[in-house]
Amino acid sequence: MTESILTQVAAGDLGAVDACIKRYSGPLWSLARRFLPTLHDAEDAVQEVFLELWKSAHRFDANAGSELTFVMTIARRRLIDRGRRRARQGVAESLPDLDLQAEPQHDAVEVREEAERVRAAMLQIRPEQREVLQLSLLHGQTHQQVAERTGLPLGTVKSHARRGLMRVREILGAARAPQGGDGR
């Protein structure tokens, strides 16, 4: 029996990250597009799901269910959270029960391209921010664990994580602007 992709992701195998994106981007993109009103919302949601997967990969247990079910459950939680945020902002939405065995669509190329843009953006942020994000997102470490591993104070780790994510989003937003008009 071969080791699961999520187990390899949890171990920090960057090749497994690519394999994970290739395998699950289609179902995730399809799910996000079915339940979110705009392409931008779907892109953000898929990014959030993959980030959550990197953080949660260590929790996957093959005895408890399939990888697809684990991935789609995380996706469903992210979509529900997104719906709750929108509802608090005055836009009431409800998500029906989602089919966890949804057929993948042929939008995987778009998700892979987006993942490549995220990788490129990660290379543009400060090295200390990149290290914190890689440890927390790719290796699933808590901020406390990152602080212990790097020797940085916990507050500094949290600042690096927050500022790094904000910078990645800023870079991604700037990269989208020429393709979609003024980016707003």
N, C-alpha and C. Protein backbone atom coordinates (compact mmCIF):
# COMPACT_ATOMS: atom_id res chain seq x y z
N MET A 1 0.84 -1.19 0.00
CA MET A 1 0.00 0.00 0.00
C MET A 1 0.88 1.24 0.00
N THR A 2 0.58 2.18 -0.89
CA THR A 2 1.39 3.39 -0.98
C THR A 2 0.93 4.42 0.05
N GLU A 3 1.86 5.29 0.40
CA GLU A 3 1.56 6.33 1.37
C GLU A 3 0.64 7.37 0.73
N SER A 4 -0.31 7.89 1.49
CA SER A 4 -1.26 8.86 0.95
C SER A 4 -0.55 10.17 0.64
N ILE A 5 -1.15 10.91 -0.28
CA ILE A 5 -0.60 12.22 -0.63
C ILE A 5 -0.61 13.13 0.58
N LEU A 6 -1.68 13.11 1.37
CA LEU A 6 -1.77 14.00 2.52
C LEU A 6 -0.71 13.67 3.57
N THR A 7 -0.39 12.40 3.72
CA THR A 7 0.67 12.01 4.65
C THR A 7 2.00 12.58 4.17
N GLN A 8 2.22 12.53 2.87
CA GLN A 8 3.45 13.09 2.30
C GLN A 8 3.48 14.61 2.43
N VAL A 9 2.33 15.26 2.24
CA VAL A 9 2.24 16.71 2.41
C VAL A 9 2.58 17.07 3.85
N ALA A 10 2.02 16.31 4.79
CA ALA A 10 2.28 16.57 6.21
C ALA A 10 3.77 16.43 6.53
N ALA A 11 4.45 15.57 5.79
CA ALA A 11 5.89 15.37 6.00
C ALA A 11 6.73 16.44 5.31
N GLY A 12 6.08 17.36 4.59
CA GLY A 12 6.80 18.45 3.95
C GLY A 12 7.30 18.16 2.55
N ASP A 13 6.79 17.12 1.91
CA ASP A 13 7.21 16.74 0.56
C ASP A 13 6.57 17.69 -0.45
N LEU A 14 7.38 18.57 -1.06
CA LEU A 14 6.85 19.55 -2.01
C LEU A 14 6.29 18.89 -3.26
N GLY A 15 6.84 17.75 -3.66
CA GLY A 15 6.28 17.01 -4.79
C GLY A 15 4.87 16.54 -4.49
N ALA A 16 4.64 16.17 -3.24
CA ALA A 16 3.29 15.74 -2.83
C ALA A 16 2.32 16.91 -2.85
N VAL A 17 2.82 18.11 -2.56
CA VAL A 17 1.96 19.30 -2.63
C VAL A 17 1.46 19.46 -4.07
N ASP A 18 2.37 19.34 -5.04
CA ASP A 18 1.96 19.42 -6.45
C ASP A 18 0.97 18.32 -6.80
N ALA A 19 1.24 17.10 -6.34
CA ALA A 19 0.35 15.98 -6.62
C ALA A 19 -1.02 16.21 -5.99
N CYS A 20 -1.03 16.77 -4.80
CA CYS A 20 -2.29 17.07 -4.11
C CYS A 20 -3.10 18.10 -4.91
N ILE A 21 -2.42 19.13 -5.37
CA ILE A 21 -3.09 20.16 -6.16
C ILE A 21 -3.65 19.55 -7.44
N LYS A 22 -2.86 18.73 -8.11
CA LYS A 22 -3.32 18.11 -9.35
C LYS A 22 -4.53 17.20 -9.10
N ARG A 23 -4.48 16.44 -8.02
CA ARG A 23 -5.55 15.47 -7.75
C ARG A 23 -6.84 16.14 -7.30
N TYR A 24 -6.75 17.17 -6.45
CA TYR A 24 -7.95 17.71 -5.82
C TYR A 24 -8.40 19.07 -6.32
N SER A 25 -7.64 19.69 -7.20
CA SER A 25 -8.05 21.01 -7.66
C SER A 25 -9.36 20.96 -8.43
N GLY A 26 -9.56 19.94 -9.25
CA GLY A 26 -10.80 19.83 -10.01
C GLY A 26 -12.04 19.76 -9.13
N PRO A 27 -12.09 18.80 -8.19
CA PRO A 27 -13.27 18.72 -7.33
C PRO A 27 -13.46 19.99 -6.48
N LEU A 28 -12.36 20.57 -6.00
CA LEU A 28 -12.48 21.77 -5.17
C LEU A 28 -12.99 22.95 -5.98
N TRP A 29 -12.43 23.12 -7.17
CA TRP A 29 -12.86 24.22 -8.03
C TRP A 29 -14.33 24.06 -8.39
N SER A 30 -14.73 22.86 -8.75
CA SER A 30 -16.12 22.59 -9.11
C SER A 30 -17.06 22.93 -7.95
N LEU A 31 -16.69 22.48 -6.78
CA LEU A 31 -17.50 22.73 -5.59
C LEU A 31 -17.61 24.23 -5.30
N ALA A 32 -16.49 24.91 -5.34
CA ALA A 32 -16.48 26.35 -5.06
C ALA A 32 -17.31 27.12 -6.09
N ARG A 33 -17.21 26.76 -7.35
CA ARG A 33 -17.96 27.46 -8.40
C ARG A 33 -19.46 27.22 -8.28
N ARG A 34 -19.84 26.03 -7.82
CA ARG A 34 -21.26 25.73 -7.67
C ARG A 34 -21.90 26.54 -6.55
N PHE A 35 -21.12 26.89 -5.53
CA PHE A 35 -21.72 27.48 -4.35
C PHE A 35 -21.29 28.91 -4.07
N LEU A 36 -20.47 29.49 -4.91
CA LEU A 36 -20.05 30.87 -4.70
C LEU A 36 -20.44 31.71 -5.92
N PRO A 37 -20.78 32.96 -5.68
CA PRO A 37 -21.34 33.78 -6.75
C PRO A 37 -20.35 34.27 -7.80
N THR A 38 -19.07 34.41 -7.44
CA THR A 38 -18.13 34.98 -8.41
C THR A 38 -16.89 34.11 -8.53
N LEU A 39 -16.18 34.29 -9.64
CA LEU A 39 -14.91 33.60 -9.84
C LEU A 39 -13.92 33.98 -8.75
N HIS A 40 -13.90 35.26 -8.40
CA HIS A 40 -12.97 35.73 -7.36
C HIS A 40 -13.24 35.02 -6.03
N ASP A 41 -14.51 34.91 -5.65
CA ASP A 41 -14.86 34.20 -4.42
C ASP A 41 -14.40 32.74 -4.48
N ALA A 42 -14.62 32.11 -5.65
CA ALA A 42 -14.23 30.71 -5.81
C ALA A 42 -12.71 30.56 -5.72
N GLU A 43 -11.97 31.47 -6.35
CA GLU A 43 -10.51 31.42 -6.28
C GLU A 43 -10.03 31.54 -4.84
N ASP A 44 -10.59 32.52 -4.14
CA ASP A 44 -10.20 32.72 -2.74
C ASP A 44 -10.53 31.49 -1.90
N ALA A 45 -11.71 30.93 -2.14
CA ALA A 45 -12.13 29.77 -1.36
C ALA A 45 -11.21 28.58 -1.61
N VAL A 46 -10.85 28.33 -2.86
CA VAL A 46 -9.96 27.21 -3.18
C VAL A 46 -8.60 27.42 -2.54
N GLN A 47 -8.11 28.65 -2.57
CA GLN A 47 -6.84 28.95 -1.90
C GLN A 47 -6.94 28.65 -0.40
N GLU A 48 -8.03 29.10 0.21
CA GLU A 48 -8.23 28.85 1.64
C GLU A 48 -8.26 27.35 1.93
N VAL A 49 -8.92 26.60 1.07
CA VAL A 49 -9.01 25.16 1.28
C VAL A 49 -7.63 24.52 1.20
N PHE A 50 -6.85 24.88 0.19
CA PHE A 50 -5.51 24.31 0.09
C PHE A 50 -4.63 24.72 1.27
N LEU A 51 -4.75 25.97 1.71
CA LEU A 51 -3.98 26.39 2.89
C LEU A 51 -4.40 25.57 4.12
N GLU A 52 -5.71 25.36 4.26
CA GLU A 52 -6.20 24.55 5.38
C GLU A 52 -5.72 23.11 5.25
N LEU A 53 -5.69 22.60 4.02
CA LEU A 53 -5.18 21.23 3.82
C LEU A 53 -3.73 21.12 4.26
N TRP A 54 -2.90 22.11 3.93
CA TRP A 54 -1.49 22.05 4.32
C TRP A 54 -1.38 22.04 5.84
N LYS A 55 -2.24 22.82 6.50
CA LYS A 55 -2.22 22.87 7.96
C LYS A 55 -2.76 21.59 8.58
N SER A 56 -3.75 20.98 7.93
CA SER A 56 -4.47 19.85 8.52
C SER A 56 -4.05 18.49 8.00
N ALA A 57 -3.14 18.44 7.07
CA ALA A 57 -2.77 17.16 6.44
C ALA A 57 -2.34 16.12 7.48
N HIS A 58 -1.71 16.57 8.55
CA HIS A 58 -1.24 15.64 9.58
C HIS A 58 -2.39 14.96 10.31
N ARG A 59 -3.61 15.51 10.21
CA ARG A 59 -4.76 14.92 10.89
C ARG A 59 -5.45 13.84 10.06
N PHE A 60 -5.06 13.69 8.79
CA PHE A 60 -5.71 12.69 7.94
C PHE A 60 -5.42 11.28 8.47
N ASP A 61 -6.50 10.50 8.58
CA ASP A 61 -6.39 9.11 9.03
C ASP A 61 -7.10 8.23 8.00
N ALA A 62 -6.31 7.44 7.28
CA ALA A 62 -6.87 6.58 6.22
C ALA A 62 -7.89 5.60 6.77
N ASN A 63 -7.80 5.25 8.04
CA ASN A 63 -8.76 4.32 8.64
C ASN A 63 -10.12 4.98 8.88
N ALA A 64 -10.14 6.31 8.93
CA ALA A 64 -11.39 7.02 9.20
C ALA A 64 -12.16 7.35 7.93
N GLY A 65 -11.50 7.33 6.77
CA GLY A 65 -12.18 7.64 5.53
C GLY A 65 -11.18 7.91 4.42
N SER A 66 -11.70 8.17 3.23
CA SER A 66 -10.83 8.39 2.08
C SER A 66 -10.24 9.80 2.11
N GLU A 67 -9.17 9.98 1.35
CA GLU A 67 -8.57 11.31 1.22
C GLU A 67 -9.57 12.29 0.62
N LEU A 68 -10.30 11.84 -0.40
CA LEU A 68 -11.26 12.73 -1.04
C LEU A 68 -12.31 13.22 -0.04
N THR A 69 -12.79 12.32 0.80
CA THR A 69 -13.77 12.72 1.80
C THR A 69 -13.16 13.73 2.77
N PHE A 70 -11.93 13.51 3.20
CA PHE A 70 -11.23 14.43 4.09
C PHE A 70 -11.11 15.81 3.43
N VAL A 71 -10.66 15.82 2.17
CA VAL A 71 -10.46 17.07 1.44
C VAL A 71 -11.79 17.81 1.27
N MET A 72 -12.82 17.09 0.85
CA MET A 72 -14.11 17.72 0.60
C MET A 72 -14.79 18.18 1.89
N THR A 73 -14.52 17.49 2.99
CA THR A 73 -15.06 17.93 4.28
C THR A 73 -14.43 19.26 4.68
N ILE A 74 -13.13 19.37 4.49
CA ILE A 74 -12.46 20.65 4.78
C ILE A 74 -13.02 21.73 3.86
N ALA A 75 -13.22 21.40 2.59
CA ALA A 75 -13.78 22.37 1.64
C ALA A 75 -15.17 22.81 2.08
N ARG A 76 -15.97 21.87 2.48
CA ARG A 76 -17.34 22.20 2.91
C ARG A 76 -17.30 23.13 4.12
N ARG A 77 -16.41 22.86 5.08
CA ARG A 77 -16.29 23.74 6.26
C ARG A 77 -15.87 25.14 5.85
N ARG A 78 -14.92 25.26 4.94
CA ARG A 78 -14.46 26.58 4.48
C ARG A 78 -15.60 27.31 3.78
N LEU A 79 -16.37 26.60 2.95
CA LEU A 79 -17.49 27.24 2.26
C LEU A 79 -18.58 27.67 3.22
N ILE A 80 -18.82 26.86 4.23
CA ILE A 80 -19.81 27.24 5.26
C ILE A 80 -19.31 28.47 6.02
N ASP A 81 -18.03 28.47 6.40
CA ASP A 81 -17.46 29.64 7.09
C ASP A 81 -17.60 30.90 6.23
N ARG A 82 -17.32 30.75 4.94
CA ARG A 82 -17.43 31.88 4.02
C ARG A 82 -18.88 32.36 3.96
N GLY A 83 -19.83 31.43 3.93
CA GLY A 83 -21.25 31.79 3.93
C GLY A 83 -21.65 32.50 5.21
N ARG A 84 -21.12 32.06 6.34
CA ARG A 84 -21.42 32.73 7.61
C ARG A 84 -20.87 34.14 7.63
N ARG A 85 -19.65 34.32 7.12
CA ARG A 85 -19.06 35.67 7.07
C ARG A 85 -19.94 36.58 6.21
N ARG A 86 -20.38 36.06 5.08
CA ARG A 86 -21.22 36.87 4.19
C ARG A 86 -22.55 37.19 4.87
N ALA A 87 -23.10 36.23 5.61
CA ALA A 87 -24.37 36.46 6.31
C ALA A 87 -24.21 37.55 7.36
N ARG A 88 -23.07 37.54 8.06
CA ARG A 88 -22.82 38.59 9.06
C ARG A 88 -22.69 39.95 8.40
N GLN A 89 -22.29 39.95 7.16
CA GLN A 89 -22.14 41.21 6.41
C GLN A 89 -23.46 41.62 5.76
N GLY A 90 -24.52 40.88 6.04
CA GLY A 90 -25.82 41.24 5.52
C GLY A 90 -26.22 40.52 4.25
N VAL A 91 -25.42 39.60 3.79
CA VAL A 91 -25.75 38.83 2.59
C VAL A 91 -26.07 37.41 3.05
N ALA A 92 -27.33 37.12 3.21
CA ALA A 92 -27.73 35.80 3.69
C ALA A 92 -27.59 34.77 2.59
N GLU A 93 -26.82 33.73 2.89
CA GLU A 93 -26.65 32.61 1.96
C GLU A 93 -26.77 31.32 2.75
N SER A 94 -27.22 30.30 2.08
CA SER A 94 -27.21 29.00 2.73
C SER A 94 -26.60 28.00 1.78
N LEU A 95 -25.87 27.07 2.34
CA LEU A 95 -25.25 26.02 1.54
C LEU A 95 -25.99 24.72 1.80
N PRO A 96 -26.51 24.11 0.77
CA PRO A 96 -27.16 22.82 0.98
C PRO A 96 -26.11 21.76 1.27
N ASP A 97 -26.56 20.57 1.66
CA ASP A 97 -25.62 19.48 1.85
C ASP A 97 -24.87 19.27 0.55
N LEU A 98 -23.58 19.12 0.65
CA LEU A 98 -22.74 18.98 -0.53
C LEU A 98 -22.46 17.52 -0.81
N ASP A 99 -22.39 17.20 -2.08
CA ASP A 99 -22.05 15.85 -2.50
C ASP A 99 -20.54 15.68 -2.35
N LEU A 100 -20.11 14.90 -1.36
CA LEU A 100 -18.69 14.75 -1.08
C LEU A 100 -17.97 13.91 -2.13
N GLN A 101 -18.70 13.27 -3.00
CA GLN A 101 -18.08 12.46 -4.06
C GLN A 101 -18.29 13.13 -5.41
N ALA A 102 -18.32 14.47 -5.43
CA ALA A 102 -18.57 15.21 -6.66
C ALA A 102 -17.54 14.86 -7.73
N GLU A 103 -18.00 14.83 -8.97
CA GLU A 103 -17.12 14.53 -10.09
C GLU A 103 -16.22 15.73 -10.36
N PRO A 104 -14.92 15.47 -10.58
CA PRO A 104 -14.03 16.59 -10.89
C PRO A 104 -14.37 17.22 -12.22
N GLN A 105 -14.22 18.53 -12.30
CA GLN A 105 -14.43 19.26 -13.54
C GLN A 105 -13.08 19.44 -14.22
N HIS A 106 -13.10 20.05 -15.36
CA HIS A 106 -11.88 20.22 -16.14
C HIS A 106 -11.23 21.58 -15.90
N ASP A 107 -11.41 22.14 -14.71
CA ASP A 107 -10.82 23.43 -14.38
C ASP A 107 -9.53 23.27 -13.59
N ALA A 108 -8.98 22.09 -13.54
CA ALA A 108 -7.78 21.82 -12.76
C ALA A 108 -6.60 22.67 -13.23
N VAL A 109 -6.54 22.95 -14.51
CA VAL A 109 -5.44 23.76 -15.04
C VAL A 109 -5.45 25.14 -14.40
N GLU A 110 -6.63 25.73 -14.27
CA GLU A 110 -6.73 27.06 -13.66
C GLU A 110 -6.26 27.04 -12.20
N VAL A 111 -6.62 26.00 -11.48
CA VAL A 111 -6.22 25.91 -10.08
C VAL A 111 -4.70 25.71 -9.98
N ARG A 112 -4.14 24.87 -10.86
CA ARG A 112 -2.68 24.67 -10.87
C ARG A 112 -1.96 25.97 -11.19
N GLU A 113 -2.51 26.73 -12.14
CA GLU A 113 -1.90 28.02 -12.48
C GLU A 113 -1.95 28.96 -11.29
N GLU A 114 -3.07 28.96 -10.58
CA GLU A 114 -3.20 29.80 -9.38
C GLU A 114 -2.20 29.36 -8.32
N ALA A 115 -2.03 28.06 -8.15
CA ALA A 115 -1.06 27.55 -7.17
C ALA A 115 0.35 27.99 -7.55
N GLU A 116 0.64 28.00 -8.83
CA GLU A 116 1.97 28.45 -9.29
C GLU A 116 2.15 29.94 -8.99
N ARG A 117 1.09 30.72 -9.16
CA ARG A 117 1.17 32.15 -8.83
C ARG A 117 1.42 32.34 -7.34
N VAL A 118 0.78 31.51 -6.52
CA VAL A 118 1.00 31.60 -5.06
C VAL A 118 2.45 31.25 -4.75
N ARG A 119 2.98 30.19 -5.38
CA ARG A 119 4.39 29.82 -5.15
C ARG A 119 5.31 30.97 -5.53
N ALA A 120 5.05 31.60 -6.67
CA ALA A 120 5.88 32.72 -7.12
C ALA A 120 5.77 33.89 -6.14
N ALA A 121 4.57 34.14 -5.64
CA ALA A 121 4.38 35.22 -4.67
C ALA A 121 5.13 34.93 -3.38
N MET A 122 5.12 33.67 -2.97
CA MET A 122 5.85 33.29 -1.75
C MET A 122 7.34 33.60 -1.88
N LEU A 123 7.87 33.48 -3.08
CA LEU A 123 9.30 33.76 -3.29
C LEU A 123 9.60 35.26 -3.21
N GLN A 124 8.56 36.10 -3.29
CA GLN A 124 8.76 37.54 -3.27
C GLN A 124 8.63 38.14 -1.88
N ILE A 125 8.18 37.37 -0.91
CA ILE A 125 8.03 37.93 0.43
C ILE A 125 9.34 37.80 1.20
N ARG A 126 9.42 38.48 2.34
CA ARG A 126 10.64 38.44 3.16
C ARG A 126 10.93 37.00 3.59
N PRO A 127 12.20 36.62 3.63
CA PRO A 127 12.56 35.23 3.96
C PRO A 127 12.00 34.76 5.31
N GLU A 128 11.99 35.62 6.32
CA GLU A 128 11.48 35.20 7.62
C GLU A 128 9.97 34.96 7.58
N GLN A 129 9.25 35.74 6.76
CA GLN A 129 7.81 35.52 6.60
C GLN A 129 7.57 34.22 5.84
N ARG A 130 8.37 34.00 4.80
CA ARG A 130 8.24 32.77 4.01
C ARG A 130 8.50 31.55 4.89
N GLU A 131 9.54 31.60 5.72
CA GLU A 131 9.85 30.46 6.58
C GLU A 131 8.70 30.16 7.54
N VAL A 132 8.14 31.20 8.14
CA VAL A 132 7.02 31.00 9.08
C VAL A 132 5.82 30.42 8.35
N LEU A 133 5.50 30.95 7.16
CA LEU A 133 4.36 30.43 6.41
C LEU A 133 4.58 28.99 5.96
N GLN A 134 5.79 28.67 5.53
CA GLN A 134 6.06 27.30 5.10
C GLN A 134 5.93 26.33 6.27
N LEU A 135 6.47 26.71 7.42
CA LEU A 135 6.38 25.82 8.58
C LEU A 135 4.93 25.63 9.03
N SER A 136 4.17 26.71 9.01
CA SER A 136 2.80 26.59 9.50
C SER A 136 1.86 26.00 8.45
N LEU A 137 2.01 26.40 7.18
CA LEU A 137 1.07 25.93 6.17
C LEU A 137 1.47 24.60 5.54
N LEU A 138 2.74 24.46 5.21
CA LEU A 138 3.18 23.22 4.56
C LEU A 138 3.43 22.10 5.56
N HIS A 139 3.93 22.46 6.73
CA HIS A 139 4.28 21.44 7.71
C HIS A 139 3.23 21.30 8.81
N GLY A 140 2.20 22.13 8.78
CA GLY A 140 1.10 22.01 9.72
C GLY A 140 1.46 22.34 11.16
N GLN A 141 2.50 23.13 11.35
CA GLN A 141 2.90 23.47 12.71
C GLN A 141 2.08 24.65 13.22
N THR A 142 1.81 24.64 14.51
CA THR A 142 1.13 25.77 15.14
C THR A 142 2.12 26.92 15.25
N HIS A 143 1.60 28.10 15.51
CA HIS A 143 2.50 29.24 15.70
C HIS A 143 3.45 29.00 16.87
N GLN A 144 2.96 28.37 17.91
CA GLN A 144 3.81 28.05 19.06
C GLN A 144 4.95 27.12 18.65
N GLN A 145 4.63 26.10 17.86
CA GLN A 145 5.66 25.17 17.40
C GLN A 145 6.67 25.87 16.49
N VAL A 146 6.19 26.78 15.66
CA VAL A 146 7.10 27.54 14.78
C VAL A 146 8.02 28.39 15.65
N ALA A 147 7.46 29.02 16.68
CA ALA A 147 8.28 29.85 17.57
C ALA A 147 9.36 29.02 18.24
N GLU A 148 8.99 27.84 18.71
CA GLU A 148 9.97 26.96 19.37
C GLU A 148 11.04 26.50 18.39
N ARG A 149 10.63 26.18 17.18
CA ARG A 149 11.58 25.67 16.18
C ARG A 149 12.55 26.75 15.70
N THR A 150 12.03 27.98 15.52
CA THR A 150 12.86 29.06 14.98
C THR A 150 13.56 29.88 16.05
N GLY A 151 13.09 29.78 17.29
CA GLY A 151 13.66 30.59 18.35
C GLY A 151 13.11 32.01 18.37
N LEU A 152 12.11 32.29 17.56
CA LEU A 152 11.50 33.62 17.52
C LEU A 152 10.41 33.71 18.59
N PRO A 153 10.17 34.90 19.12
CA PRO A 153 9.04 35.07 20.05
C PRO A 153 7.72 34.76 19.34
N LEU A 154 6.74 34.26 20.09
CA LEU A 154 5.45 33.89 19.52
C LEU A 154 4.80 35.07 18.80
N GLY A 155 4.84 36.24 19.39
CA GLY A 155 4.25 37.43 18.77
C GLY A 155 4.89 37.74 17.42
N THR A 156 6.20 37.56 17.33
CA THR A 156 6.92 37.80 16.07
C THR A 156 6.48 36.78 15.02
N VAL A 157 6.32 35.53 15.42
CA VAL A 157 5.87 34.49 14.49
C VAL A 157 4.48 34.86 13.96
N LYS A 158 3.59 35.28 14.85
CA LYS A 158 2.24 35.66 14.42
C LYS A 158 2.28 36.86 13.47
N SER A 159 3.14 37.83 13.78
CA SER A 159 3.27 39.00 12.91
C SER A 159 3.80 38.61 11.54
N HIS A 160 4.83 37.77 11.52
CA HIS A 160 5.39 37.31 10.24
C HIS A 160 4.32 36.57 9.43
N ALA A 161 3.55 35.72 10.09
CA ALA A 161 2.51 34.96 9.39
C ALA A 161 1.46 35.90 8.80
N ARG A 162 0.98 36.83 9.61
CA ARG A 162 -0.06 37.75 9.15
C ARG A 162 0.46 38.65 8.04
N ARG A 163 1.61 39.26 8.25
CA ARG A 163 2.16 40.16 7.24
C ARG A 163 2.54 39.41 5.96
N GLY A 164 3.05 38.20 6.12
CA GLY A 164 3.38 37.39 4.95
C GLY A 164 2.16 37.06 4.12
N LEU A 165 1.07 36.65 4.78
CA LEU A 165 -0.17 36.35 4.06
C LEU A 165 -0.73 37.59 3.39
N MET A 166 -0.67 38.72 4.11
CA MET A 166 -1.16 39.97 3.53
C MET A 166 -0.33 40.34 2.29
N ARG A 167 0.96 40.16 2.37
CA ARG A 167 1.84 40.50 1.25
C ARG A 167 1.59 39.55 0.06
N VAL A 168 1.40 38.27 0.34
CA VAL A 168 1.10 37.32 -0.74
C VAL A 168 -0.20 37.73 -1.43
N ARG A 169 -1.21 38.08 -0.66
CA ARG A 169 -2.48 38.50 -1.27
C ARG A 169 -2.30 39.77 -2.08
N GLU A 170 -1.48 40.70 -1.56
CA GLU A 170 -1.21 41.94 -2.28
C GLU A 170 -0.52 41.64 -3.62
N ILE A 171 0.47 40.78 -3.60
CA ILE A 171 1.19 40.41 -4.82
C ILE A 171 0.24 39.73 -5.80
N LEU A 172 -0.59 38.82 -5.30
CA LEU A 172 -1.54 38.13 -6.17
C LEU A 172 -2.55 39.11 -6.76
N GLY A 173 -2.99 40.06 -5.96
CA GLY A 173 -3.92 41.07 -6.45
C GLY A 173 -3.30 41.92 -7.54
N ALA A 174 -2.04 42.30 -7.37
CA ALA A 174 -1.34 43.09 -8.38
C ALA A 174 -1.13 42.28 -9.65
N ALA A 175 -0.89 40.99 -9.49
CA ALA A 175 -0.68 40.13 -10.66
C ALA A 175 -1.97 39.96 -11.46
N ARG A 176 -3.11 40.01 -10.77
CA ARG A 176 -4.41 39.86 -11.46
C ARG A 176 -4.84 41.14 -12.17
N ALA A 177 -4.42 42.29 -11.66
CA ALA A 177 -4.90 43.58 -12.15
C ALA A 177 -4.74 43.75 -13.66
N PRO A 178 -3.57 43.45 -14.26
CA PRO A 178 -3.45 43.66 -15.71
C PRO A 178 -4.39 42.77 -16.52
N GLN A 179 -4.72 41.60 -15.99
CA GLN A 179 -5.57 40.68 -16.72
C GLN A 179 -7.04 41.06 -16.62
N GLY A 180 -7.43 41.67 -15.51
CA GLY A 180 -8.85 41.92 -15.30
C GLY A 180 -9.20 43.38 -15.19
N GLY A 181 -8.48 44.27 -15.83
CA GLY A 181 -8.78 45.69 -15.75
C GLY A 181 -7.98 46.33 -14.66
N ASP A 182 -8.69 47.06 -13.79
CA ASP A 182 -7.97 47.77 -12.73
C ASP A 182 -7.80 46.94 -11.48
N GLY A 183 -8.28 45.69 -11.45
CA GLY A 183 -8.08 44.79 -10.32
C GLY A 183 -9.04 45.01 -9.19
N ARG A 184 -10.04 45.89 -9.38
CA ARG A 184 -10.99 46.18 -8.30
C ARG A 184 -12.39 45.88 -8.73
